[in-house]
Amino acid sequence: MRTGRFRLPGKRQLGRDFGTPSVVIIDVTETPIERPKRRQRAFYSGKQKGHTLKSQLVIDATTQQVICTFFGKGRPHDFKLFKASGVHFHPLIESLQDKGYQGLQKLHAHCRLPKKKPREGKLTAADKAYNRQLARERVGIEHVNRRLKVFRILSGRYRNRRKRFGLRCNLIAALYNFEQTQAAKVS
C-alpha cells in the first residue's frame, strides 16, 4: 500500500475537468454476512433476503477500472447509498446506472437511466430498444463485479470485522486495477 501502486483514483477524479473519464458506470453489489447479534434490521436486505453489506463501485467505461468505492449496510436503497457517498460528477461526464438510481437525473444532467414502464401501460418498442442498448453499455460494471468476486472474501459469507470490510474491498479493487494496467501494458 505504501508504494502507491494499489490506490484508487478517488471521487475527486470525477469532479475535475482534466483527466476525467467521459463515461462512468455506477452499480452496487452485496456481500452476505453472518446474522448480527444486535441491530439486525440495519443489515437486512430485502432484495437478497438476508443480512448483507453493500459496496458501490464507480468505474470508467472505457478502461473498466474502478475509480472509487463506497460501503454501507444492507438495508439502505442504492440511491440513498449514492447520496451518502458524496460522489459528484463533472457536468461533462456521462453516467450510466440501473433503475435503482431513479432521481439521479435531478442531481446530474448527463445520466442515462432505463425507461420505466408506465403504470397500467406498456413500454414502446423504442423504449425497449433504448433499455437494451443501455444494458449493453452497462454490462461492463457487472463484469467488474464478477472479477472482484473471484476473490472469495467478497462472494462468500463475510465473517471478518465489518469495520474493515471497506479497507479489504478497496484493496481488492486496487489489485484489480493494477492487474488491468499490467494487462494493458502487455497488449
C-alpha atoms as a PDB file:
ATOM      1  CA  MET A   1       0.000   0.000   0.000  1.00  0.00           C
ATOM      2  CA  ARG A   2       2.846   2.417   0.766  1.00  0.00           C
ATOM      3  CA  THR A   3       4.223   2.184  -2.783  1.00  0.00           C
ATOM      4  CA  GLY A   4       1.126   3.901  -4.130  1.00  0.00           C
ATOM      5  CA  ARG A   5       0.589   1.283  -6.823  1.00  0.00           C
ATOM      6  CA  PHE A   6      -2.523  -0.010  -5.124  1.00  0.00           C
ATOM      7  CA  ARG A   7      -4.538   3.168  -4.790  1.00  0.00           C
ATOM      8  CA  LEU A   8      -7.828   4.047  -6.374  1.00  0.00           C
ATOM      9  CA  PRO A   9      -8.091   7.394  -8.198  1.00  0.00           C
ATOM     10  CA  GLY A  10     -10.857   8.518  -5.812  1.00  0.00           C
ATOM     11  CA  LYS A  11     -14.025  10.554  -6.141  1.00  0.00           C
ATOM     12  CA  ARG A  12     -12.103  13.811  -6.612  1.00  0.00           C
ATOM     13  CA  GLN A  13     -11.102  12.489 -10.026  1.00  0.00           C
ATOM     14  CA  LEU A  14     -14.768  12.702 -11.077  1.00  0.00           C
ATOM     15  CA  GLY A  15     -15.090  16.397 -10.260  1.00  0.00           C
ATOM     16  CA  ARG A  16     -12.064  17.573 -12.218  1.00  0.00           C
ATOM     17  CA  ASP A  17     -12.174  18.684 -15.820  1.00  0.00           C
ATOM     18  CA  PHE A  18      -8.713  17.462 -16.854  1.00  0.00           C
ATOM     19  CA  GLY A  19      -8.148  13.719 -16.990  1.00  0.00           C
ATOM     20  CA  THR A  20     -11.700  12.747 -16.136  1.00  0.00           C
ATOM     21  CA  PRO A  21     -13.353   9.807 -17.833  1.00  0.00           C
ATOM     22  CA  SER A  22     -16.060  10.705 -20.345  1.00  0.00           C
ATOM     23  CA  VAL A  23     -18.433   7.908 -19.300  1.00  0.00           C
ATOM     24  CA  VAL A  24     -18.745   6.256 -15.874  1.00  0.00           C
ATOM     25  CA  ILE A  25     -20.896   3.356 -14.754  1.00  0.00           C
ATOM     26  CA  ILE A  26     -22.307   3.009 -11.214  1.00  0.00           C
ATOM     27  CA  ASP A  27     -23.621  -0.106  -9.530  1.00  0.00           C
ATOM     28  CA  VAL A  28     -23.998  -1.674  -6.099  1.00  0.00           C
ATOM     29  CA  THR A  29     -23.156  -5.240  -5.173  1.00  0.00           C
ATOM     30  CA  GLU A  30     -23.966  -7.034  -1.951  1.00  0.00           C
ATOM     31  CA  THR A  31     -21.896  -9.404   0.159  1.00  0.00           C
ATOM     32  CA  PRO A  32     -23.670 -11.704   2.625  1.00  0.00           C
ATOM     33  CA  ILE A  33     -22.646 -11.566   6.288  1.00  0.00           C
ATOM     34  CA  GLU A  34     -23.462 -13.611   9.352  1.00  0.00           C
ATOM     35  CA  ARG A  35     -26.556 -12.514  11.211  1.00  0.00           C
ATOM     36  CA  PRO A  36     -25.540  -9.730  13.612  1.00  0.00           C
ATOM     37  CA  LYS A  37     -26.267 -10.231  17.285  1.00  0.00           C
ATOM     38  CA  ARG A  38     -27.563  -6.655  17.662  1.00  0.00           C
ATOM     39  CA  ARG A  39     -29.164  -4.173  15.265  1.00  0.00           C
ATOM     40  CA  GLN A  40     -30.045  -6.823  12.706  1.00  0.00           C
ATOM     41  CA  ARG A  41     -32.551  -4.652  10.886  1.00  0.00           C
ATOM     42  CA  ALA A  42     -29.893  -2.248   9.604  1.00  0.00           C
ATOM     43  CA  PHE A  43     -28.112  -5.076   7.792  1.00  0.00           C
ATOM     44  CA  TYR A  44     -31.163  -6.920   6.442  1.00  0.00           C
ATOM     45  CA  SER A  45     -31.512  -6.618   2.683  1.00  0.00           C
ATOM     46  CA  GLY A  46     -34.980  -7.287   1.345  1.00  0.00           C
ATOM     47  CA  LYS A  47     -33.537  -7.792  -2.130  1.00  0.00           C
ATOM     48  CA  GLN A  48     -31.209 -10.605  -1.011  1.00  0.00           C
ATOM     49  CA  LYS A  49     -33.473 -11.856   1.791  1.00  0.00           C
ATOM     50  CA  GLY A  50     -30.578 -11.914   4.211  1.00  0.00           C
ATOM     51  CA  HIS A  51     -28.067  -9.778   6.097  1.00  0.00           C
ATOM     52  CA  THR A  52     -25.573  -8.060   3.795  1.00  0.00           C
ATOM     53  CA  LEU A  53     -23.023  -5.288   3.333  1.00  0.00           C
ATOM     54  CA  LYS A  54     -23.278  -3.132   0.217  1.00  0.00           C
ATOM     55  CA  SER A  55     -20.394  -1.839  -1.850  1.00  0.00           C
ATOM     56  CA  GLN A  56     -20.921   0.806  -4.512  1.00  0.00           C
ATOM     57  CA  LEU A  57     -18.482   0.897  -7.414  1.00  0.00           C
ATOM     58  CA  VAL A  58     -17.903   3.697  -9.914  1.00  0.00           C
ATOM     59  CA  ILE A  59     -15.894   2.560 -12.940  1.00  0.00           C
ATOM     60  CA  ASP A  60     -14.556   4.173 -16.085  1.00  0.00           C
ATOM     61  CA  ALA A  61     -16.497   2.717 -19.024  1.00  0.00           C
ATOM     62  CA  THR A  62     -13.547   2.709 -21.445  1.00  0.00           C
ATOM     63  CA  THR A  63     -10.769   1.289 -19.258  1.00  0.00           C
ATOM     64  CA  GLN A  64     -13.011  -0.798 -16.949  1.00  0.00           C
ATOM     65  CA  GLN A  65     -11.010   0.439 -13.945  1.00  0.00           C
ATOM     66  CA  VAL A  66     -12.559   1.162 -10.569  1.00  0.00           C
ATOM     67  CA  ILE A  67     -12.452   4.893  -9.817  1.00  0.00           C
ATOM     68  CA  CYS A  68     -13.974   4.969  -6.341  1.00  0.00           C
ATOM     69  CA  THR A  69     -15.922   2.838  -3.900  1.00  0.00           C
ATOM     70  CA  PHE A  70     -18.319   3.410  -1.037  1.00  0.00           C
ATOM     71  CA  PHE A  71     -19.717   0.970   1.518  1.00  0.00           C
ATOM     72  CA  GLY A  72     -22.831   0.681   3.610  1.00  0.00           C
ATOM     73  CA  LYS A  73     -25.132  -1.646   5.455  1.00  0.00           C
ATOM     74  CA  GLY A  74     -27.542  -3.894   3.574  1.00  0.00           C
ATOM     75  CA  ARG A  75     -30.792  -2.057   4.279  1.00  0.00           C
ATOM     76  CA  PRO A  76     -30.434   1.343   2.507  1.00  0.00           C
ATOM     77  CA  HIS A  77     -31.533   1.690  -1.096  1.00  0.00           C
ATOM     78  CA  ASP A  78     -28.874   2.065  -3.808  1.00  0.00           C
ATOM     79  CA  PHE A  79     -29.704   5.742  -4.435  1.00  0.00           C
ATOM     80  CA  LYS A  80     -29.512   6.551  -0.701  1.00  0.00           C
ATOM     81  CA  LEU A  81     -26.089   4.933  -0.643  1.00  0.00           C
ATOM     82  CA  PHE A  82     -25.076   7.088  -3.622  1.00  0.00           C
ATOM     83  CA  LYS A  83     -26.193  10.292  -1.880  1.00  0.00           C
ATOM     84  CA  ALA A  84     -24.353   9.296   1.304  1.00  0.00           C
ATOM     85  CA  SER A  85     -21.165   8.618  -0.672  1.00  0.00           C
ATOM     86  CA  GLY A  86     -20.793  12.278  -1.620  1.00  0.00           C
ATOM     87  CA  VAL A  87     -19.770  11.495  -5.204  1.00  0.00           C
ATOM     88  CA  HIS A  88     -20.247  14.473  -7.531  1.00  0.00           C
ATOM     89  CA  PHE A  89     -19.727  14.237 -11.267  1.00  0.00           C
ATOM     90  CA  HIS A  90     -18.254  16.893 -13.501  1.00  0.00           C
ATOM     91  CA  PRO A  91     -21.020  18.316 -15.737  1.00  0.00           C
ATOM     92  CA  LEU A  92     -19.392  16.843 -18.867  1.00  0.00           C
ATOM     93  CA  ILE A  93     -19.253  13.276 -17.543  1.00  0.00           C
ATOM     94  CA  GLU A  94     -21.997  10.930 -18.692  1.00  0.00           C
ATOM     95  CA  SER A  95     -23.135   8.338 -16.144  1.00  0.00           C
ATOM     96  CA  LEU A  96     -24.889   5.032 -16.741  1.00  0.00           C
ATOM     97  CA  GLN A  97     -26.819   3.256 -13.999  1.00  0.00           C
ATOM     98  CA  ASP A  98     -29.715   0.885 -13.393  1.00  0.00           C
ATOM     99  CA  LYS A  99     -33.261   1.582 -12.186  1.00  0.00           C
ATOM    100  CA  GLY A 100     -32.070   1.691  -8.582  1.00  0.00           C
ATOM    101  CA  TYR A 101     -30.825   5.240  -9.196  1.00  0.00           C
ATOM    102  CA  GLN A 102     -34.148   6.865 -10.144  1.00  0.00           C
ATOM    103  CA  GLY A 103     -33.875  10.510  -9.128  1.00  0.00           C
ATOM    104  CA  LEU A 104     -30.229  10.940 -10.113  1.00  0.00           C
ATOM    105  CA  GLN A 105     -31.293  12.996 -13.126  1.00  0.00           C
ATOM    106  CA  LYS A 106     -32.181  15.799 -10.682  1.00  0.00           C
ATOM    107  CA  LEU A 107     -28.590  15.841  -9.375  1.00  0.00           C
ATOM    108  CA  HIS A 108     -26.717  15.199 -12.613  1.00  0.00           C
ATOM    109  CA  ALA A 109     -27.951  16.278 -16.058  1.00  0.00           C
ATOM    110  CA  HIS A 110     -25.961  13.741 -18.115  1.00  0.00           C
ATOM    111  CA  CYS A 111     -27.184  10.494 -16.584  1.00  0.00           C
ATOM    112  CA  ARG A 112     -28.802   7.705 -18.546  1.00  0.00           C
ATOM    113  CA  LEU A 113     -31.410   5.642 -16.733  1.00  0.00           C
ATOM    114  CA  PRO A 114     -33.563   2.851 -18.153  1.00  0.00           C
ATOM    115  CA  LYS A 115     -37.104   3.787 -19.098  1.00  0.00           C
ATOM    116  CA  LYS A 116     -39.706   2.571 -16.616  1.00  0.00           C
ATOM    117  CA  LYS A 117     -42.985   1.018 -17.645  1.00  0.00           C
ATOM    118  CA  PRO A 118     -45.822   3.477 -17.029  1.00  0.00           C
ATOM    119  CA  ARG A 119     -48.485   2.493 -14.542  1.00  0.00           C
ATOM    120  CA  GLU A 120     -51.085   0.313 -16.256  1.00  0.00           C
ATOM    121  CA  GLY A 121     -49.274   0.693 -19.555  1.00  0.00           C
ATOM    122  CA  LYS A 122     -46.548  -0.834 -21.687  1.00  0.00           C
ATOM    123  CA  LEU A 123     -43.177   0.314 -22.947  1.00  0.00           C
ATOM    124  CA  THR A 124     -42.980   1.309 -26.580  1.00  0.00           C
ATOM    125  CA  ALA A 125     -40.676  -0.538 -28.954  1.00  0.00           C
ATOM    126  CA  ALA A 126     -38.331   2.473 -28.957  1.00  0.00           C
ATOM    127  CA  ASP A 127     -38.143   2.459 -25.136  1.00  0.00           C
ATOM    128  CA  LYS A 128     -37.396  -1.272 -25.121  1.00  0.00           C
ATOM    129  CA  ALA A 129     -34.641  -0.757 -27.690  1.00  0.00           C
ATOM    130  CA  TYR A 130     -33.201   2.093 -25.589  1.00  0.00           C
ATOM    131  CA  ASN A 131     -33.192  -0.115 -22.462  1.00  0.00           C
ATOM    132  CA  ARG A 132     -31.483  -2.941 -24.359  1.00  0.00           C
ATOM    133  CA  GLN A 133     -28.806  -0.583 -25.693  1.00  0.00           C
ATOM    134  CA  LEU A 134     -28.217   0.869 -22.237  1.00  0.00           C
ATOM    135  CA  ALA A 135     -27.912  -2.631 -20.773  1.00  0.00           C
ATOM    136  CA  ARG A 136     -25.284  -3.463 -23.417  1.00  0.00           C
ATOM    137  CA  GLU A 137     -23.249  -0.422 -22.388  1.00  0.00           C
ATOM    138  CA  ARG A 138     -23.734  -1.074 -18.641  1.00  0.00           C
ATOM    139  CA  VAL A 139     -22.691  -4.715 -18.725  1.00  0.00           C
ATOM    140  CA  GLY A 140     -19.076  -3.666 -18.023  1.00  0.00           C
ATOM    141  CA  ILE A 141     -19.856  -2.993 -14.356  1.00  0.00           C
ATOM    142  CA  GLU A 142     -21.328  -6.468 -13.995  1.00  0.00           C
ATOM    143  CA  HIS A 143     -18.108  -7.927 -15.380  1.00  0.00           C
ATOM    144  CA  VAL A 144     -16.061  -5.885 -12.913  1.00  0.00           C
ATOM    145  CA  ASN A 145     -18.280  -7.082 -10.044  1.00  0.00           C
ATOM    146  CA  ARG A 146     -17.686 -10.661 -11.168  1.00  0.00           C
ATOM    147  CA  ARG A 147     -13.919 -10.153 -11.376  1.00  0.00           C
ATOM    148  CA  LEU A 148     -13.864  -8.692  -7.877  1.00  0.00           C
ATOM    149  CA  LYS A 149     -15.964 -11.549  -6.541  1.00  0.00           C
ATOM    150  CA  VAL A 150     -13.375 -14.017  -7.830  1.00  0.00           C
ATOM    151  CA  PHE A 151     -11.729 -13.065  -4.538  1.00  0.00           C
ATOM    152  CA  ARG A 152     -13.838 -15.303  -2.342  1.00  0.00           C
ATOM    153  CA  ILE A 153     -13.881 -12.840   0.546  1.00  0.00           C
ATOM    154  CA  LEU A 154     -16.402 -10.742  -1.433  1.00  0.00           C
ATOM    155  CA  SER A 155     -18.513 -13.546  -2.872  1.00  0.00           C
ATOM    156  CA  GLY A 156     -18.872 -15.858   0.115  1.00  0.00           C
ATOM    157  CA  ARG A 157     -20.190 -15.010   3.546  1.00  0.00           C
ATOM    158  CA  TYR A 158     -18.036 -12.256   5.071  1.00  0.00           C
ATOM    159  CA  ARG A 159     -17.046 -13.374   8.575  1.00  0.00           C
ATOM    160  CA  ASN A 160     -14.417 -10.783   9.457  1.00  0.00           C
ATOM    161  CA  ARG A 161     -14.795  -7.434  11.209  1.00  0.00           C
ATOM    162  CA  ARG A 162     -17.415  -5.345   9.457  1.00  0.00           C
ATOM    163  CA  LYS A 163     -15.422  -2.171  10.132  1.00  0.00           C
ATOM    164  CA  ARG A 164     -12.625  -3.445   7.910  1.00  0.00           C
ATOM    165  CA  PHE A 165     -14.846  -4.506   5.020  1.00  0.00           C
ATOM    166  CA  GLY A 166     -14.234  -1.244   3.162  1.00  0.00           C
ATOM    167  CA  LEU A 167     -10.476  -1.495   3.567  1.00  0.00           C
ATOM    168  CA  ARG A 168     -10.411  -5.030   2.198  1.00  0.00           C
ATOM    169  CA  CYS A 169     -12.741  -4.197  -0.661  1.00  0.00           C
ATOM    170  CA  ASN A 170     -10.628  -1.164  -1.623  1.00  0.00           C
ATOM    171  CA  LEU A 171      -7.500  -3.294  -1.618  1.00  0.00           C
ATOM    172  CA  ILE A 172      -9.116  -5.888  -3.875  1.00  0.00           C
ATOM    173  CA  ALA A 173     -10.340  -3.152  -6.235  1.00  0.00           C
ATOM    174  CA  ALA A 174      -6.839  -1.655  -6.327  1.00  0.00           C
ATOM    175  CA  LEU A 175      -5.358  -5.082  -7.098  1.00  0.00           C
ATOM    176  CA  TYR A 176      -7.870  -5.442  -9.915  1.00  0.00           C
ATOM    177  CA  ASN A 177      -6.876  -2.003 -11.299  1.00  0.00           C
ATOM    178  CA  PHE A 178      -3.187  -2.907 -11.080  1.00  0.00           C
ATOM    179  CA  GLU A 179      -3.870  -6.142 -12.949  1.00  0.00           C
ATOM    180  CA  GLN A 180      -5.768  -4.217 -15.647  1.00  0.00           C
ATOM    181  CA  THR A 181      -2.914  -1.736 -16.151  1.00  0.00           C
ATOM    182  CA  GLN A 182      -0.368  -4.580 -16.400  1.00  0.00           C
ATOM    183  CA  ALA A 183      -2.536  -6.348 -18.997  1.00  0.00           C
ATOM    184  CA  ALA A 184      -2.862  -3.083 -20.958  1.00  0.00           C
ATOM    185  CA  LYS A 185       0.932  -2.628 -20.986  1.00  0.00           C
ATOM    186  CA  VAL A 186       1.477  -6.127 -22.363  1.00  0.00           C
ATOM    187  CA  SER A 187      -1.003  -5.770 -25.229  1.00  0.00           C
END
